[in-house]
Amino acid sequence: DSYIKYMPTEFLHKGSYTMTGNFATDSIKTISFTSVNTSSYIIVGSLYGSSTTSPGYSSQNDMIWTTFNRTSSSFKLGLREVSGNTGTLYFKYYLLKS
């Protein structure tokens, strides 16, 4: 097909979450927000570090993340950093009704 099916039609919320630590082992963070009255949404997110100079990129380019357990007022963010460096990370996200 030459078009996108099931395109989200409603913007529900946007936010950001800051975290500091060592994510060498699996870490789970709960991101809470004002209720959007549904748990049926798509999370569009961007994870990035605080450093823009060397060794910033090389110490922040190996993150693995996933989201799960969506509710009307929160979701879980699972994180793992392959290198195990400590630092500050930012997760910016948008919620779109699915």
PDB file of N, CA and C in Angstrom:
ATOM      1  N   ASP A   1       0.826  -1.187   0.000  1.00  0.00           N
ATOM      2  CA  ASP A   1       0.000   0.000   0.000  1.00  0.00           C
ATOM      3  C   ASP A   1       0.870   1.249   0.000  1.00  0.00           C
ATOM      4  N   SER A   2       0.372   2.283  -0.617  1.00  0.00           N
ATOM      5  CA  SER A   2       1.155   3.509  -0.735  1.00  0.00           C
ATOM      6  C   SER A   2       0.766   4.572   0.286  1.00  0.00           C
ATOM      7  N   TYR A   3       0.094   4.179   1.357  1.00  0.00           N
ATOM      8  CA  TYR A   3      -0.272   5.140   2.391  1.00  0.00           C
ATOM      9  C   TYR A   3      -0.102   4.493   3.763  1.00  0.00           C
ATOM     10  N   ILE A   4      -0.083   5.308   4.793  1.00  0.00           N
ATOM     11  CA  ILE A   4       0.090   4.813   6.162  1.00  0.00           C
ATOM     12  C   ILE A   4      -1.277   4.448   6.728  1.00  0.00           C
ATOM     13  N   LYS A   5      -1.396   3.215   7.194  1.00  0.00           N
ATOM     14  CA  LYS A   5      -2.629   2.779   7.834  1.00  0.00           C
ATOM     15  C   LYS A   5      -2.545   3.037   9.334  1.00  0.00           C
ATOM     16  N   TYR A   6      -3.669   3.275   9.939  1.00  0.00           N
ATOM     17  CA  TYR A   6      -3.758   3.423  11.388  1.00  0.00           C
ATOM     18  C   TYR A   6      -2.889   4.565  11.910  1.00  0.00           C
ATOM     19  N   MET A   7      -2.882   5.644  11.200  1.00  0.00           N
ATOM     20  CA  MET A   7      -2.118   6.822  11.609  1.00  0.00           C
ATOM     21  C   MET A   7      -2.728   7.398  12.881  1.00  0.00           C
ATOM     22  N   PRO A   8      -1.900   7.667  13.915  1.00  0.00           N
ATOM     23  CA  PRO A   8      -2.443   8.285  15.134  1.00  0.00           C
ATOM     24  C   PRO A   8      -3.089   9.628  14.796  1.00  0.00           C
ATOM     25  N   THR A   9      -4.193   9.904  15.443  1.00  0.00           N
ATOM     26  CA  THR A   9      -4.934  11.106  15.075  1.00  0.00           C
ATOM     27  C   THR A   9      -4.984  12.153  16.178  1.00  0.00           C
ATOM     28  N   GLU A  10      -4.555  11.797  17.384  1.00  0.00           N
ATOM     29  CA  GLU A  10      -4.713  12.747  18.480  1.00  0.00           C
ATOM     30  C   GLU A  10      -3.455  12.807  19.339  1.00  0.00           C
ATOM     31  N   PHE A  11      -2.952  14.011  19.531  1.00  0.00           N
ATOM     32  CA  PHE A  11      -1.828  14.249  20.431  1.00  0.00           C
ATOM     33  C   PHE A  11      -2.366  14.293  21.853  1.00  0.00           C
ATOM     34  N   LEU A  12      -1.790  13.498  22.771  1.00  0.00           N
ATOM     35  CA  LEU A  12      -2.302  13.418  24.140  1.00  0.00           C
ATOM     36  C   LEU A  12      -1.455  14.161  25.168  1.00  0.00           C
ATOM     37  N   HIS A  13      -0.139  14.085  25.033  1.00  0.00           N
ATOM     38  CA  HIS A  13       0.731  14.639  26.084  1.00  0.00           C
ATOM     39  C   HIS A  13       2.162  14.684  25.568  1.00  0.00           C
ATOM     40  N   LYS A  14       2.947  15.608  26.117  1.00  0.00           N
ATOM     41  CA  LYS A  14       4.389  15.603  25.882  1.00  0.00           C
ATOM     42  C   LYS A  14       5.076  15.829  27.210  1.00  0.00           C
ATOM     43  N   GLY A  15       6.280  15.309  27.351  1.00  0.00           N
ATOM     44  CA  GLY A  15       6.995  15.475  28.600  1.00  0.00           C
ATOM     45  C   GLY A  15       8.457  15.113  28.473  1.00  0.00           C
ATOM     46  N   SER A  16       9.168  15.251  29.573  1.00  0.00           N
ATOM     47  CA  SER A  16      10.574  14.858  29.622  1.00  0.00           C
ATOM     48  C   SER A  16      10.870  14.288  31.002  1.00  0.00           C
ATOM     49  N   TYR A  17      11.881  13.459  31.047  1.00  0.00           N
ATOM     50  CA  TYR A  17      12.268  12.782  32.278  1.00  0.00           C
ATOM     51  C   TYR A  17      13.790  12.772  32.339  1.00  0.00           C
ATOM     52  N   THR A  18      14.348  13.224  33.457  1.00  0.00           N
ATOM     53  CA  THR A  18      15.799  13.277  33.643  1.00  0.00           C
ATOM     54  C   THR A  18      16.209  12.220  34.648  1.00  0.00           C
ATOM     55  N   MET A  19      17.296  11.523  34.350  1.00  0.00           N
ATOM     56  CA  MET A  19      17.793  10.500  35.273  1.00  0.00           C
ATOM     57  C   MET A  19      19.313  10.504  35.285  1.00  0.00           C
ATOM     58  N   THR A  20      19.882  10.224  36.446  1.00  0.00           N
ATOM     59  CA  THR A  20      21.327  10.160  36.612  1.00  0.00           C
ATOM     60  C   THR A  20      21.672   8.842  37.255  1.00  0.00           C
ATOM     61  N   GLY A  21      22.756   8.239  36.794  1.00  0.00           N
ATOM     62  CA  GLY A  21      23.187   6.991  37.411  1.00  0.00           C
ATOM     63  C   GLY A  21      24.013   6.158  36.475  1.00  0.00           C
ATOM     64  N   ASN A  22      24.217   4.934  36.894  1.00  0.00           N
ATOM     65  CA  ASN A  22      24.922   3.938  36.104  1.00  0.00           C
ATOM     66  C   ASN A  22      23.889   2.916  35.671  1.00  0.00           C
ATOM     67  N   PHE A  23      23.744   2.722  34.389  1.00  0.00           N
ATOM     68  CA  PHE A  23      22.710   1.855  33.851  1.00  0.00           C
ATOM     69  C   PHE A  23      23.300   0.577  33.255  1.00  0.00           C
ATOM     70  N   ALA A  24      24.407   0.090  33.870  1.00  0.00           N
ATOM     71  CA  ALA A  24      25.077  -1.113  33.377  1.00  0.00           C
ATOM     72  C   ALA A  24      24.224  -2.357  33.561  1.00  0.00           C
ATOM     73  N   THR A  25      23.317  -2.331  34.526  1.00  0.00           N
ATOM     74  CA  THR A  25      22.363  -3.424  34.681  1.00  0.00           C
ATOM     75  C   THR A  25      20.988  -2.892  34.301  1.00  0.00           C
ATOM     76  N   ASP A  26      20.061  -3.785  34.088  1.00  0.00           N
ATOM     77  CA  ASP A  26      18.719  -3.363  33.698  1.00  0.00           C
ATOM     78  C   ASP A  26      18.141  -2.406  34.739  1.00  0.00           C
ATOM     79  N   SER A  27      17.652  -1.278  34.277  1.00  0.00           N
ATOM     80  CA  SER A  27      17.027  -0.271  35.138  1.00  0.00           C
ATOM     81  C   SER A  27      15.621  -0.021  34.630  1.00  0.00           C
ATOM     82  N   ILE A  28      14.697   0.163  35.549  1.00  0.00           N
ATOM     83  CA  ILE A  28      13.317   0.469  35.185  1.00  0.00           C
ATOM     84  C   ILE A  28      12.916   1.761  35.880  1.00  0.00           C
ATOM     85  N   LYS A  29      12.450   2.703  35.103  1.00  0.00           N
ATOM     86  CA  LYS A  29      11.978   3.985  35.613  1.00  0.00           C
ATOM     87  C   LYS A  29      10.489   4.111  35.304  1.00  0.00           C
ATOM     88  N   THR A  30       9.736   4.661  36.239  1.00  0.00           N
ATOM     89  CA  THR A  30       8.320   4.940  36.007  1.00  0.00           C
ATOM     90  C   THR A  30       8.172   6.399  35.642  1.00  0.00           C
ATOM     91  N   ILE A  31       7.607   6.649  34.486  1.00  0.00           N
ATOM     92  CA  ILE A  31       7.372   8.011  34.027  1.00  0.00           C
ATOM     93  C   ILE A  31       5.885   8.303  34.206  1.00  0.00           C
ATOM     94  N   SER A  32       5.587   9.244  35.090  1.00  0.00           N
ATOM     95  CA  SER A  32       4.206   9.585  35.423  1.00  0.00           C
ATOM     96  C   SER A  32       3.824  10.933  34.829  1.00  0.00           C
ATOM     97  N   PHE A  33       2.539  11.099  34.556  1.00  0.00           N
ATOM     98  CA  PHE A  33       2.020  12.324  33.977  1.00  0.00           C
ATOM     99  C   PHE A  33       0.535  12.427  34.318  1.00  0.00           C
ATOM    100  N   THR A  34      -0.050  13.573  34.066  1.00  0.00           N
ATOM    101  CA  THR A  34      -1.481  13.768  34.281  1.00  0.00           C
ATOM    102  C   THR A  34      -2.243  12.788  33.396  1.00  0.00           C
ATOM    103  N   SER A  35      -3.295  12.209  33.919  1.00  0.00           N
ATOM    104  CA  SER A  35      -4.048  11.193  33.186  1.00  0.00           C
ATOM    105  C   SER A  35      -4.484  11.684  31.805  1.00  0.00           C
ATOM    106  N   VAL A  36      -4.303  10.807  30.818  1.00  0.00           N
ATOM    107  CA  VAL A  36      -4.770  11.082  29.461  1.00  0.00           C
ATOM    108  C   VAL A  36      -6.024  10.260  29.151  1.00  0.00           C
ATOM    109  N   ASN A  37      -6.579   9.603  30.175  1.00  0.00           N
ATOM    110  CA  ASN A  37      -7.846   8.866  30.109  1.00  0.00           C
ATOM    111  C   ASN A  37      -7.833   7.666  29.173  1.00  0.00           C
ATOM    112  N   THR A  38      -6.665   7.165  28.836  1.00  0.00           N
ATOM    113  CA  THR A  38      -6.551   5.953  28.038  1.00  0.00           C
ATOM    114  C   THR A  38      -5.155   5.361  28.221  1.00  0.00           C
ATOM    115  N   SER A  39      -5.070   4.052  28.066  1.00  0.00           N
ATOM    116  CA  SER A  39      -3.757   3.407  28.067  1.00  0.00           C
ATOM    117  C   SER A  39      -3.411   2.947  26.656  1.00  0.00           C
ATOM    118  N   SER A  40      -4.221   3.346  25.715  1.00  0.00           N
ATOM    119  CA  SER A  40      -4.008   2.978  24.315  1.00  0.00           C
ATOM    120  C   SER A  40      -3.354   4.156  23.588  1.00  0.00           C
ATOM    121  N   TYR A  41      -2.029   4.229  23.701  1.00  0.00           N
ATOM    122  CA  TYR A  41      -1.290   5.305  23.050  1.00  0.00           C
ATOM    123  C   TYR A  41       0.056   4.800  22.555  1.00  0.00           C
ATOM    124  N   ILE A  42       0.623   5.554  21.652  1.00  0.00           N
ATOM    125  CA  ILE A  42       1.946   5.278  21.098  1.00  0.00           C
ATOM    126  C   ILE A  42       2.917   6.243  21.756  1.00  0.00           C
ATOM    127  N   ILE A  43       4.046   5.726  22.214  1.00  0.00           N
ATOM    128  CA  ILE A  43       5.082   6.556  22.828  1.00  0.00           C
ATOM    129  C   ILE A  43       6.147   6.827  21.771  1.00  0.00           C
ATOM    130  N   VAL A  44       6.324   8.088  21.448  1.00  0.00           N
ATOM    131  CA  VAL A  44       7.378   8.503  20.526  1.00  0.00           C
ATOM    132  C   VAL A  44       8.425   9.185  21.383  1.00  0.00           C
ATOM    133  N   GLY A  45       9.620   8.587  21.503  1.00  0.00           N
ATOM    134  CA  GLY A  45      10.599   9.111  22.444  1.00  0.00           C
ATOM    135  C   GLY A  45      11.988   9.287  21.875  1.00  0.00           C
ATOM    136  N   SER A  46      12.756  10.085  22.574  1.00  0.00           N
ATOM    137  CA  SER A  46      14.152  10.329  22.243  1.00  0.00           C
ATOM    138  C   SER A  46      14.964  10.296  23.531  1.00  0.00           C
ATOM    139  N   LEU A  47      15.988   9.465  23.566  1.00  0.00           N
ATOM    140  CA  LEU A  47      16.869   9.341  24.724  1.00  0.00           C
ATOM    141  C   LEU A  47      18.220   9.925  24.353  1.00  0.00           C
ATOM    142  N   TYR A  48      18.725  10.830  25.175  1.00  0.00           N
ATOM    143  CA  TYR A  48      20.029  11.414  24.878  1.00  0.00           C
ATOM    144  C   TYR A  48      20.750  11.783  26.160  1.00  0.00           C
ATOM    145  N   GLY A  49      22.072  11.933  26.053  1.00  0.00           N
ATOM    146  CA  GLY A  49      22.908  12.262  27.198  1.00  0.00           C
ATOM    147  C   GLY A  49      23.173  13.744  27.304  1.00  0.00           C
ATOM    148  N   SER A  50      23.803  14.126  28.422  1.00  0.00           N
ATOM    149  CA  SER A  50      24.033  15.542  28.689  1.00  0.00           C
ATOM    150  C   SER A  50      25.307  16.076  28.066  1.00  0.00           C
ATOM    151  N   SER A  51      26.223  15.202  27.676  1.00  0.00           N
ATOM    152  CA  SER A  51      27.507  15.652  27.167  1.00  0.00           C
ATOM    153  C   SER A  51      27.494  15.739  25.648  1.00  0.00           C
ATOM    154  N   THR A  52      28.005  16.840  25.123  1.00  0.00           N
ATOM    155  CA  THR A  52      28.096  16.998  23.669  1.00  0.00           C
ATOM    156  C   THR A  52      29.542  17.010  23.198  1.00  0.00           C
ATOM    157  N   THR A  53      30.487  16.895  24.123  1.00  0.00           N
ATOM    158  CA  THR A  53      31.893  16.891  23.750  1.00  0.00           C
ATOM    159  C   THR A  53      32.524  15.558  24.113  1.00  0.00           C
ATOM    160  N   SER A  54      33.674  15.278  23.551  1.00  0.00           N
ATOM    161  CA  SER A  54      34.376  14.030  23.835  1.00  0.00           C
ATOM    162  C   SER A  54      34.711  13.982  25.322  1.00  0.00           C
ATOM    163  N   PRO A  55      34.519  12.863  26.012  1.00  0.00           N
ATOM    164  CA  PRO A  55      34.095  11.557  25.502  1.00  0.00           C
ATOM    165  C   PRO A  55      32.592  11.372  25.499  1.00  0.00           C
ATOM    166  N   GLY A  56      31.837  12.467  25.458  1.00  0.00           N
ATOM    167  CA  GLY A  56      30.385  12.387  25.548  1.00  0.00           C
ATOM    168  C   GLY A  56      29.741  11.389  24.609  1.00  0.00           C
ATOM    169  N   TYR A  57      30.003  11.524  23.322  1.00  0.00           N
ATOM    170  CA  TYR A  57      29.354  10.631  22.374  1.00  0.00           C
ATOM    171  C   TYR A  57      29.754   9.182  22.608  1.00  0.00           C
ATOM    172  N   SER A  58      31.034   8.932  22.764  1.00  0.00           N
ATOM    173  CA  SER A  58      31.497   7.553  22.889  1.00  0.00           C
ATOM    174  C   SER A  58      31.044   6.896  24.183  1.00  0.00           C
ATOM    175  N   SER A  59      30.695   7.686  25.186  1.00  0.00           N
ATOM    176  CA  SER A  59      30.214   7.093  26.435  1.00  0.00           C
ATOM    177  C   SER A  59      28.694   7.039  26.504  1.00  0.00           C
ATOM    178  N   GLN A  60      28.011   7.552  25.482  1.00  0.00           N
ATOM    179  CA  GLN A  60      26.543   7.588  25.510  1.00  0.00           C
ATOM    180  C   GLN A  60      25.907   7.016  24.245  1.00  0.00           C
ATOM    181  N   ASN A  61      26.687   6.337  23.440  1.00  0.00           N
ATOM    182  CA  ASN A  61      26.144   5.855  22.168  1.00  0.00           C
ATOM    183  C   ASN A  61      25.743   4.386  22.206  1.00  0.00           C
ATOM    184  N   ASP A  62      25.637   3.824  23.385  1.00  0.00           N
ATOM    185  CA  ASP A  62      25.342   2.391  23.458  1.00  0.00           C
ATOM    186  C   ASP A  62      24.208   2.085  24.424  1.00  0.00           C
ATOM    187  N   MET A  63      23.162   2.883  24.357  1.00  0.00           N
ATOM    188  CA  MET A  63      21.990   2.705  25.211  1.00  0.00           C
ATOM    189  C   MET A  63      20.952   1.829  24.522  1.00  0.00           C
ATOM    190  N   ILE A  64      20.308   0.989  25.314  1.00  0.00           N
ATOM    191  CA  ILE A  64      19.179   0.192  24.864  1.00  0.00           C
ATOM    192  C   ILE A  64      17.989   0.621  25.718  1.00  0.00           C
ATOM    193  N   TRP A  65      16.866   0.901  25.100  1.00  0.00           N
ATOM    194  CA  TRP A  65      15.693   1.289  25.882  1.00  0.00           C
ATOM    195  C   TRP A  65      14.419   0.718  25.274  1.00  0.00           C
ATOM    196  N   THR A  66      13.439   0.541  26.137  1.00  0.00           N
ATOM    197  CA  THR A  66      12.128   0.043  25.726  1.00  0.00           C
ATOM    198  C   THR A  66      11.073   0.619  26.658  1.00  0.00           C
ATOM    199  N   THR A  67       9.830   0.603  26.246  1.00  0.00           N
ATOM    200  CA  THR A  67       8.733   1.051  27.103  1.00  0.00           C
ATOM    201  C   THR A  67       7.731  -0.078  27.260  1.00  0.00           C
ATOM    202  N   PHE A  68       7.039  -0.085  28.396  1.00  0.00           N
ATOM    203  CA  PHE A  68       6.057  -1.131  28.668  1.00  0.00           C
ATOM    204  C   PHE A  68       5.145  -0.688  29.804  1.00  0.00           C
ATOM    205  N   ASN A  69       4.132  -1.495  30.131  1.00  0.00           N
ATOM    206  CA  ASN A  69       3.173  -1.235  31.214  1.00  0.00           C
ATOM    207  C   ASN A  69       2.533   0.154  31.114  1.00  0.00           C
ATOM    208  N   ARG A  70       1.946   0.430  29.974  1.00  0.00           N
ATOM    209  CA  ARG A  70       1.262   1.717  29.793  1.00  0.00           C
ATOM    210  C   ARG A  70      -0.023   1.750  30.614  1.00  0.00           C
ATOM    211  N   THR A  71      -0.251   2.849  31.314  1.00  0.00           N
ATOM    212  CA  THR A  71      -1.518   3.125  31.979  1.00  0.00           C
ATOM    213  C   THR A  71      -1.967   4.503  31.520  1.00  0.00           C
ATOM    214  N   SER A  72      -3.096   4.957  32.021  1.00  0.00           N
ATOM    215  CA  SER A  72      -3.584   6.275  31.612  1.00  0.00           C
ATOM    216  C   SER A  72      -2.756   7.418  32.200  1.00  0.00           C
ATOM    217  N   SER A  73      -1.895   7.106  33.190  1.00  0.00           N
ATOM    218  CA  SER A  73      -1.106   8.176  33.823  1.00  0.00           C
ATOM    219  C   SER A  73       0.374   7.823  34.011  1.00  0.00           C
ATOM    220  N   SER A  74       0.845   6.757  33.372  1.00  0.00           N
ATOM    221  CA  SER A  74       2.274   6.426  33.484  1.00  0.00           C
ATOM    222  C   SER A  74       2.656   5.328  32.495  1.00  0.00           C
ATOM    223  N   PHE A  75       3.945   5.166  32.317  1.00  0.00           N
ATOM    224  CA  PHE A  75       4.483   4.007  31.611  1.00  0.00           C
ATOM    225  C   PHE A  75       5.865   3.725  32.196  1.00  0.00           C
ATOM    226  N   LYS A  76       6.369   2.540  31.928  1.00  0.00           N
ATOM    227  CA  LYS A  76       7.696   2.140  32.400  1.00  0.00           C
ATOM    228  C   LYS A  76       8.691   2.315  31.269  1.00  0.00           C
ATOM    229  N   LEU A  77       9.877   2.788  31.636  1.00  0.00           N
ATOM    230  CA  LEU A  77      10.996   2.927  30.713  1.00  0.00           C
ATOM    231  C   LEU A  77      12.089   1.989  31.184  1.00  0.00           C
ATOM    232  N   GLY A  78      12.433   1.010  30.363  1.00  0.00           N
ATOM    233  CA  GLY A  78      13.512   0.086  30.684  1.00  0.00           C
ATOM    234  C   GLY A  78      14.781   0.527  29.987  1.00  0.00           C
ATOM    235  N   LEU A  79      15.901   0.527  30.738  1.00  0.00           N
ATOM    236  CA  LEU A  79      17.177   1.029  30.223  1.00  0.00           C
ATOM    237  C   LEU A  79      18.300   0.043  30.476  1.00  0.00           C
ATOM    238  N   ARG A  80      19.286   0.056  29.583  1.00  0.00           N
ATOM    239  CA  ARG A  80      20.520  -0.699  29.781  1.00  0.00           C
ATOM    240  C   ARG A  80      21.601  -0.006  28.977  1.00  0.00           C
ATOM    241  N   GLU A  81      22.738   0.253  29.606  1.00  0.00           N
ATOM    242  CA  GLU A  81      23.878   0.843  28.909  1.00  0.00           C
ATOM    243  C   GLU A  81      24.964  -0.213  28.809  1.00  0.00           C
ATOM    244  N   VAL A  82      25.366  -0.542  27.606  1.00  0.00           N
ATOM    245  CA  VAL A  82      26.323  -1.615  27.371  1.00  0.00           C
ATOM    246  C   VAL A  82      27.661  -1.331  28.046  1.00  0.00           C
ATOM    247  N   SER A  83      28.142  -0.096  27.991  1.00  0.00           N
ATOM    248  CA  SER A  83      29.455   0.225  28.555  1.00  0.00           C
ATOM    249  C   SER A  83      29.422   0.439  30.064  1.00  0.00           C
ATOM    250  N   GLY A  84      28.263   0.738  30.614  1.00  0.00           N
ATOM    251  CA  GLY A  84      28.149   0.928  32.058  1.00  0.00           C
ATOM    252  C   GLY A  84      28.658   2.256  32.571  1.00  0.00           C
ATOM    253  N   ASN A  85      28.741   3.262  31.728  1.00  0.00           N
ATOM    254  CA  ASN A  85      29.174   4.581  32.176  1.00  0.00           C
ATOM    255  C   ASN A  85      28.092   5.250  33.022  1.00  0.00           C
ATOM    256  N   THR A  86      28.528   6.117  33.916  1.00  0.00           N
ATOM    257  CA  THR A  86      27.601   6.885  34.742  1.00  0.00           C
ATOM    258  C   THR A  86      27.400   8.246  34.100  1.00  0.00           C
ATOM    259  N   GLY A  87      26.178   8.734  34.132  1.00  0.00           N
ATOM    260  CA  GLY A  87      25.931  10.040  33.565  1.00  0.00           C
ATOM    261  C   GLY A  87      24.487  10.448  33.709  1.00  0.00           C
ATOM    262  N   THR A  88      24.167  11.588  33.110  1.00  0.00           N
ATOM    263  CA  THR A  88      22.807  12.098  33.118  1.00  0.00           C
ATOM    264  C   THR A  88      22.188  11.827  31.754  1.00  0.00           C
ATOM    265  N   LEU A  89      20.974  11.279  31.781  1.00  0.00           N
ATOM    266  CA  LEU A  89      20.237  10.988  30.560  1.00  0.00           C
ATOM    267  C   LEU A  89      18.903  11.716  30.586  1.00  0.00           C
ATOM    268  N   TYR A  90      18.439  12.065  29.413  1.00  0.00           N
ATOM    269  CA  TYR A  90      17.149  12.729  29.248  1.00  0.00           C
ATOM    270  C   TYR A  90      16.296  11.907  28.295  1.00  0.00           C
ATOM    271  N   PHE A  91      15.035  11.717  28.659  1.00  0.00           N
ATOM    272  CA  PHE A  91      14.091  11.042  27.786  1.00  0.00           C
ATOM    273  C   PHE A  91      12.952  12.005  27.503  1.00  0.00           C
ATOM    274  N   LYS A  92      12.859  12.469  26.264  1.00  0.00           N
ATOM    275  CA  LYS A  92      11.764  13.347  25.855  1.00  0.00           C
ATOM    276  C   LYS A  92      10.786  12.512  25.051  1.00  0.00           C
ATOM    277  N   TYR A  93       9.490  12.749  25.294  1.00  0.00           N
ATOM    278  CA  TYR A  93       8.498  11.882  24.670  1.00  0.00           C
ATOM    279  C   TYR A  93       7.208  12.626  24.331  1.00  0.00           C
ATOM    280  N   TYR A  94       6.491  12.041  23.399  1.00  0.00           N
ATOM    281  CA  TYR A  94       5.151  12.453  23.012  1.00  0.00           C
ATOM    282  C   TYR A  94       4.259  11.225  23.102  1.00  0.00           C
ATOM    283  N   LEU A  95       3.026  11.424  23.520  1.00  0.00           N
ATOM    284  CA  LEU A  95       2.039  10.358  23.536  1.00  0.00           C
ATOM    285  C   LEU A  95       1.001  10.674  22.462  1.00  0.00           C
ATOM    286  N   LEU A  96       0.786   9.709  21.576  1.00  0.00           N
ATOM    287  CA  LEU A  96      -0.191   9.841  20.510  1.00  0.00           C
ATOM    288  C   LEU A  96      -1.244   8.770  20.660  1.00  0.00           C
ATOM    289  N   LYS A  97      -2.498   9.134  20.567  1.00  0.00           N
ATOM    290  CA  LYS A  97      -3.578   8.165  20.703  1.00  0.00           C
ATOM    291  C   LYS A  97      -3.491   7.148  19.568  1.00  0.00           C
ATOM    292  N   SER A  98      -3.601   5.872  19.938  1.00  0.00           N
ATOM    293  CA  SER A  98      -3.515   4.842  18.895  1.00  0.00           C
ATOM    294  C   SER A  98      -4.890   4.336  18.518  1.00  0.00           C
TER     295      SER A  98
END
